[in-house]
Protein backbone atom coordinates (compact mmCIF):
# COMPACT_ATOMS: atom_id res chain seq x y z
CA MET A 1 0.10 0.02 0.09
CA ALA A 2 1.59 3.27 -1.13
CA LYS A 3 1.54 6.44 0.88
CA PHE A 4 -1.65 8.33 0.48
CA THR A 5 -2.20 12.15 1.24
CA ILE A 6 -5.19 14.18 2.10
CA TYR A 7 -6.20 17.69 2.49
CA PHE A 8 -8.90 18.17 4.84
CA ALA A 9 -10.58 21.56 5.89
CA THR A 10 -14.15 22.36 7.37
CA ASP A 11 -16.43 25.00 8.74
CA ILE A 12 -16.43 27.36 5.94
CA HIS A 13 -19.91 28.59 6.46
CA GLY A 14 -20.91 30.29 3.06
CA SER A 15 -17.33 31.97 2.52
CA GLU A 16 -16.91 32.10 -1.28
CA HIS A 17 -13.12 33.06 -0.75
CA CYS A 18 -12.68 29.78 1.45
CA PHE A 19 -14.58 27.56 -1.00
CA ARG A 20 -12.50 28.81 -4.05
CA LYS A 21 -9.37 28.02 -2.02
CA PHE A 22 -10.44 24.78 -0.99
CA LEU A 23 -11.04 23.93 -4.92
CA ASN A 24 -7.46 24.85 -5.46
CA ALA A 25 -5.97 23.21 -2.39
CA GLY A 26 -5.76 19.59 -3.80
CA LYS A 27 -3.71 20.55 -6.93
CA PHE A 28 -1.65 23.30 -4.95
CA TYR A 29 -0.42 20.91 -2.12
CA GLY A 30 -0.13 17.97 -4.55
CA VAL A 31 -2.30 15.63 -2.44
CA ASP A 32 -4.31 12.44 -3.50
CA ALA A 33 -7.78 13.50 -2.08
CA VAL A 34 -9.63 16.40 -0.43
CA ILE A 35 -12.19 16.25 2.23
CA LEU A 36 -14.52 19.21 3.02
CA GLY A 37 -16.13 18.70 6.38
CA GLY A 38 -19.34 19.99 7.44
CA ASP A 39 -21.20 23.57 7.81
CA ILE A 40 -20.90 24.52 4.10
CA ALA A 41 -23.74 27.03 4.39
CA GLY A 42 -23.55 30.61 5.41
CA LYS A 43 -25.07 31.81 8.74
CA ALA A 44 -27.34 34.85 7.62
CA LEU A 45 -28.92 36.75 4.86
CA ILE A 46 -28.33 40.32 4.29
CA PRO A 47 -31.37 41.94 2.39
CA ILE A 48 -30.45 44.71 0.11
CA ALA A 49 -33.36 46.89 -0.89
CA LYS A 50 -33.63 48.60 -4.44
CA GLY A 51 -33.94 52.44 -4.12
CA THR A 52 -34.40 55.10 -6.98
CA GLY A 53 -32.07 54.78 -10.06
CA ASP A 54 -28.91 52.76 -9.15
CA THR A 55 -29.16 53.18 -5.23
CA TRP A 56 -29.61 50.02 -3.03
CA ASP A 57 -29.63 49.98 0.84
CA ALA A 58 -28.79 47.54 3.42
CA SER A 59 -27.69 46.99 6.97
CA PHE A 60 -24.56 45.15 7.81
CA PHE A 61 -23.64 44.50 11.51
CA GLY A 62 -26.05 47.15 12.51
CA LYS A 63 -24.49 49.74 10.18
CA PRO A 64 -26.72 51.27 7.58
CA ILE A 65 -25.09 50.98 4.04
CA HIS A 66 -26.23 53.19 1.12
CA MET A 67 -24.68 52.27 -2.17
CA GLU A 68 -25.16 54.48 -5.37
CA SER A 69 -23.64 52.81 -8.43
CA ALA A 70 -23.54 49.14 -9.71
CA GLU A 71 -19.91 49.01 -8.79
CA GLU A 72 -20.54 49.89 -4.88
CA LEU A 73 -23.22 47.20 -4.92
CA ASP A 74 -20.88 44.55 -6.43
CA GLU A 75 -18.18 45.52 -3.64
CA PHE A 76 -20.72 45.28 -0.77
CA GLU A 77 -21.93 41.92 -2.23
CA ARG A 78 -18.30 40.59 -2.34
CA ARG A 79 -17.63 41.97 1.22
CA VAL A 80 -20.72 40.08 2.51
CA ARG A 81 -19.69 36.60 0.67
CA THR A 82 -16.36 36.92 2.04
CA GLN A 83 -17.66 37.09 5.53
CA GLY A 84 -19.99 33.97 4.80
CA TYR A 85 -23.34 35.71 4.49
CA TYR A 86 -25.46 36.01 1.56
CA PRO A 87 -26.60 39.29 -0.08
CA TYR A 88 -30.11 39.18 -1.19
CA ARG A 89 -31.34 41.73 -3.63
CA SER A 90 -34.87 42.71 -3.35
CA THR A 91 -37.74 45.17 -3.11
CA PRO A 92 -38.25 47.54 -0.11
CA ASP A 93 -41.73 45.80 0.53
CA GLU A 94 -39.99 42.20 0.77
CA VAL A 95 -37.13 43.60 2.99
CA ALA A 96 -39.64 45.01 5.27
CA GLU A 97 -41.63 41.63 5.35
CA ILE A 98 -38.38 39.65 5.84
CA ALA A 99 -37.75 41.75 8.88
CA LYS A 100 -41.06 41.38 10.39
CA HIS A 101 -41.77 37.69 9.53
CA GLY A 102 -39.80 34.59 10.24
CA GLU A 103 -41.55 32.54 7.45
CA ALA A 104 -40.58 35.15 4.73
CA LEU A 105 -36.94 35.18 6.23
CA ASP A 106 -36.78 31.33 5.94
CA ARG A 107 -38.08 31.20 2.51
CA ALA A 108 -35.58 33.90 1.20
CA PHE A 109 -32.77 32.09 3.10
CA GLU A 110 -33.47 28.69 1.79
CA THR A 111 -33.57 30.23 -1.73
CA VAL A 112 -30.21 31.83 -1.52
CA ILE A 113 -28.49 28.72 0.13
CA GLY A 114 -29.81 26.41 -2.57
CA ARG A 115 -28.70 28.87 -5.34
CA SER A 116 -25.26 29.12 -3.68
CA VAL A 117 -24.61 25.48 -3.13
CA GLU A 118 -26.01 24.30 -6.47
CA GLY A 119 -23.32 26.83 -8.01
CA TRP A 120 -20.60 25.55 -5.87
CA VAL A 121 -21.39 21.82 -6.86
CA ALA A 122 -21.19 22.87 -10.44
CA ILE A 123 -17.94 24.61 -10.12
CA ALA A 124 -16.57 21.77 -7.93
CA ASP A 125 -17.61 18.97 -10.39
CA GLU A 126 -15.85 20.76 -13.24
CA LYS A 127 -12.77 21.85 -11.63
CA LEU A 128 -12.04 18.65 -9.42
CA ARG A 129 -12.89 16.37 -12.34
CA ALA A 130 -10.49 18.17 -14.53
CA ALA A 131 -7.81 17.64 -11.76
CA GLY A 132 -8.76 14.03 -11.36
CA ILE A 133 -8.91 14.76 -7.56
CA PRO A 134 -11.50 12.80 -5.45
CA CYS A 135 -13.45 15.01 -3.12
CA LEU A 136 -15.65 14.01 -0.21
CA VAL A 137 -18.36 16.76 1.26
CA MET A 138 -21.05 16.39 3.78
CA PRO A 139 -23.28 18.80 5.55
CA GLY A 140 -22.71 19.82 9.21
CA ASN A 141 -24.85 20.71 11.99
CA ASP A 142 -25.53 24.27 10.78
CA ASP A 143 -26.50 23.16 7.15
CA PRO A 144 -30.27 23.01 6.58
CA PRO A 145 -31.61 19.90 4.43
CA THR A 146 -31.10 21.94 1.21
CA VAL A 147 -27.36 21.70 1.39
CA LYS A 148 -27.30 17.75 1.53
CA ARG A 149 -30.01 17.51 -1.41
CA TYR A 150 -27.97 19.58 -3.74
CA LEU A 151 -24.56 17.83 -2.70
CA ASN A 152 -26.47 14.43 -3.40
CA GLY A 153 -26.87 15.83 -6.96
CA ALA A 154 -23.12 16.23 -7.78
CA SER A 155 -21.53 14.25 -10.45
CA TRP A 156 -17.90 14.28 -9.10
CA LEU A 157 -18.05 15.29 -5.52
CA ILE A 158 -19.21 12.55 -3.20
CA GLN A 159 -21.77 13.31 -0.62
CA SER A 160 -20.37 10.98 2.12
CA GLU A 161 -22.57 11.42 5.13
CA ASP A 162 -24.34 8.23 6.47
CA ARG A 163 -22.19 6.13 4.26
CA ILE A 164 -18.90 4.30 3.80
CA VAL A 165 -17.08 5.67 0.93
CA GLU A 166 -13.88 4.13 -0.56
CA LEU A 167 -11.10 6.76 -0.75
CA GLY A 168 -7.98 5.23 -2.02
CA PRO A 169 -6.86 2.25 -0.02
CA TYR A 170 -9.15 3.52 2.91
CA GLN A 171 -12.81 3.16 3.89
CA VAL A 172 -14.22 6.50 5.25
CA LEU A 173 -17.06 6.66 7.71
CA SER A 174 -18.78 10.15 7.80
CA LEU A 175 -21.46 11.79 9.98
CA GLY A 176 -21.98 15.59 9.96
CA TYR A 177 -24.59 15.83 12.89
CA SER A 178 -23.76 17.42 16.27
CA THR A 179 -24.86 16.90 19.89
CA PRO A 180 -26.94 19.98 21.29
CA THR A 181 -25.29 23.54 21.13
CA PRO A 182 -26.39 26.87 22.71
CA TRP A 183 -27.47 27.99 19.27
CA ASP A 184 -30.17 25.31 18.27
CA SER A 185 -28.75 24.70 14.94
CA PRO A 186 -30.83 22.73 12.54
CA ARG A 187 -28.89 19.27 12.59
CA GLU A 188 -28.37 18.35 16.44
CA ILE A 189 -29.22 15.10 18.10
CA THR A 190 -28.74 13.76 21.48
CA GLU A 191 -25.94 11.96 22.54
CA GLU A 192 -28.21 8.57 22.47
CA GLU A 193 -29.13 9.28 18.73
CA MET A 194 -25.46 10.07 17.90
CA ARG A 195 -24.37 6.59 19.63
CA ALA A 196 -27.14 4.78 17.50
CA LYS A 197 -25.99 6.33 14.03
CA LEU A 198 -22.42 5.77 14.78
CA LYS A 199 -23.36 2.13 15.73
CA ASP A 200 -25.22 1.62 12.54
CA LEU A 201 -22.43 2.95 10.29
CA ILE A 202 -19.78 0.97 12.29
CA GLY A 203 -21.85 -2.24 11.52
CA LYS A 204 -21.31 -1.46 7.73
CA LEU A 205 -17.36 -1.41 7.77
CA GLU A 206 -15.51 -3.87 6.17
CA PRO A 207 -13.37 -5.96 8.87
CA GLY A 208 -9.64 -5.96 8.60
CA ARG A 209 -9.35 -2.76 6.32
CA PRO A 210 -7.87 0.47 7.54
CA VAL A 211 -10.52 3.07 8.44
CA ILE A 212 -11.00 6.88 8.49
CA PHE A 213 -13.73 8.69 10.57
CA ASN A 214 -14.84 12.05 9.08
CA LEU A 215 -17.21 13.18 11.94
CA HIS A 216 -18.13 16.88 12.35
CA ASN A 217 -18.36 16.70 16.05
CA PRO A 218 -15.13 16.34 17.91
CA PRO A 219 -14.84 13.62 20.59
CA TYR A 220 -15.38 14.92 24.16
CA ASP A 221 -12.41 16.07 26.47
CA THR A 222 -9.77 16.08 23.95
CA ARG A 223 -7.42 18.72 22.06
CA THR A 224 -9.99 18.95 19.34
CA ASP A 225 -13.14 20.30 21.59
CA ARG A 226 -12.04 23.09 23.57
CA ALA A 227 -14.44 25.77 23.01
CA PHE A 228 -15.04 29.34 24.78
CA LYS A 229 -16.99 28.82 27.89
CA LEU A 230 -19.97 30.87 28.06
CA SER A 231 -22.11 32.32 30.79
CA GLN A 232 -25.88 31.97 30.96
CA ASP A 233 -26.20 35.33 29.08
CA MET A 234 -23.96 33.94 26.09
CA ARG A 235 -20.72 35.92 27.15
CA ILE A 236 -17.39 34.54 26.81
CA GLN A 237 -16.19 33.74 30.44
CA THR A 238 -12.56 34.85 31.33
CA ALA A 239 -10.31 34.19 34.29
CA GLY A 240 -7.06 36.50 34.76
CA GLY A 241 -8.16 38.39 31.65
CA GLU A 242 -7.75 35.36 29.51
CA PRO A 243 -11.00 33.48 27.86
CA VAL A 244 -11.70 30.07 29.51
CA LEU A 245 -11.74 27.05 27.48
CA ALA A 246 -14.21 23.87 28.17
CA PRO A 247 -14.58 20.59 26.52
CA VAL A 248 -17.83 20.44 24.51
CA GLY A 249 -17.31 17.53 22.23
CA SER A 250 -19.48 14.23 22.03
CA VAL A 251 -19.10 11.60 24.44
CA ALA A 252 -20.73 9.18 21.68
CA VAL A 253 -17.92 10.20 19.18
CA ARG A 254 -15.30 9.42 21.64
CA GLU A 255 -16.57 6.08 22.53
CA ALA A 256 -16.86 5.21 18.93
CA ILE A 257 -13.28 6.12 18.13
CA GLU A 258 -12.12 4.27 21.38
CA GLU A 259 -14.03 1.04 20.14
CA VAL A 260 -13.01 0.99 16.32
CA GLN A 261 -9.59 2.85 16.81
CA PRO A 262 -9.71 4.17 13.03
CA ILE A 263 -6.20 5.34 11.83
CA LEU A 264 -7.42 8.99 11.52
CA SER A 265 -10.50 10.92 12.81
CA LEU A 266 -11.26 14.28 11.19
CA HIS A 267 -13.45 16.68 13.04
CA GLY A 268 -14.35 20.44 12.83
CA HIS A 269 -17.27 22.16 14.47
CA ILE A 270 -15.18 24.00 17.35
CA HIS A 271 -13.44 26.75 15.21
CA GLU A 272 -10.98 27.78 18.03
CA SER A 273 -9.85 24.23 18.60
CA ARG A 274 -7.06 23.85 16.02
CA ALA A 275 -5.01 20.93 17.26
CA MET A 276 -3.98 17.30 16.43
CA GLY A 277 -4.09 14.87 19.26
CA SER A 278 -4.89 11.00 19.86
CA LEU A 279 -7.11 8.71 21.50
CA GLY A 280 -5.49 5.21 21.82
CA ARG A 281 -4.02 4.32 18.39
CA THR A 282 -6.11 6.80 16.66
CA GLN A 283 -4.82 10.23 15.47
CA ILE A 284 -7.51 12.95 15.91
CA CYS A 285 -7.64 16.44 13.90
CA ASN A 286 -9.45 19.52 13.88
CA PRO A 287 -7.97 22.22 11.52
CA GLY A 288 -9.98 25.09 13.03
CA SER A 289 -11.96 27.59 11.14
CA MET A 290 -11.08 31.32 10.21
CA TYR A 291 -13.72 31.63 7.63
CA THR A 292 -14.85 35.41 8.64
CA GLU A 293 -11.56 36.59 7.60
CA GLY A 294 -11.55 34.78 4.31
CA ALA A 295 -8.89 32.58 5.51
CA LEU A 296 -9.02 28.65 4.65
CA GLN A 297 -7.51 26.80 7.55
CA GLY A 298 -6.68 23.09 6.60
CA VAL A 299 -4.65 20.14 7.28
CA ILE A 300 -2.37 17.98 5.07
CA LEU A 301 -2.04 14.39 6.37
CA SER A 302 0.41 11.89 5.00
CA LEU A 303 -0.76 8.26 5.69
CA ASP A 304 1.28 5.12 5.17
CA LYS A 305 -0.68 1.91 5.53
CA ASP A 306 -2.56 2.05 9.00
CA LYS A 307 -0.46 4.93 10.35
CA VAL A 308 -0.49 8.83 9.91
CA LYS A 309 3.05 9.53 9.10
CA LEU A 310 2.83 13.31 8.99
CA HIS A 311 0.70 16.31 9.57
CA LYS A 312 0.99 19.90 8.61
CA PHE A 313 -1.49 22.56 9.51
CA VAL A 314 -1.79 25.18 6.60
CA THR A 315 -3.55 28.47 6.19
CA GLY A 316 -4.39 29.87 2.66
């Protein structure tokens, strides 16, 4: 079995810059395959109301934005997409309706997410097929069902969640759900449900062959699951002027890793917990995320038979 290299990144949350960097990463780093973990979609919709002539108005981070030309509008939309949000051109009446009614916001949000992911899938299918680089992608806990539906329609990308996928000499088990968070995201499940889903997938593994886990939720109490500790009013707690970190990963995920002992377990979800660690014989990895700055954090992993020989964190 020859050496096999993987580039892994996750949690791009709708950032156009990060996605395009991911598409180029496989060829740039000369790897055999690329994997994009969960949380593909952006977190918010930014309505932009049409004014008179070429004028448009919006609000971004609480600041009113007035644009007086197509060039200013294009520049604003690029800035919004870089931050992982979705610009949404509309009429003043619809913008007012979106501000007042949750259903109108949900409809508009689903429309732009679908349009964005569909476009991304088309670009990725063309670019990565031309490069001959296999690519696994799955939704995460923040991704609505629309994301998985469009990923399933890809012709080159492989939507890997709830499946065992062949990747070079390895079998990859993928699951993008998370256990409960303070933000009540679309795809959260209990520890018991996580345990059941993982048990079902583990039962589909072929015995005697090396395994890679691709699980959005990191395992509990490891270097990969340290998040800022929040107070009841959702403020970051500090001690001695420094933010306090606490483990927030999944116990069920940890149990599954300890049981199967895959050679590698890939994770995301906790953006501030960029780390490589181990659980028994398993190397566990979270490359972290800085999508709001348009920076793509990833990791290059060199595998040789049933071992991770080298890893290198990279930022592009």
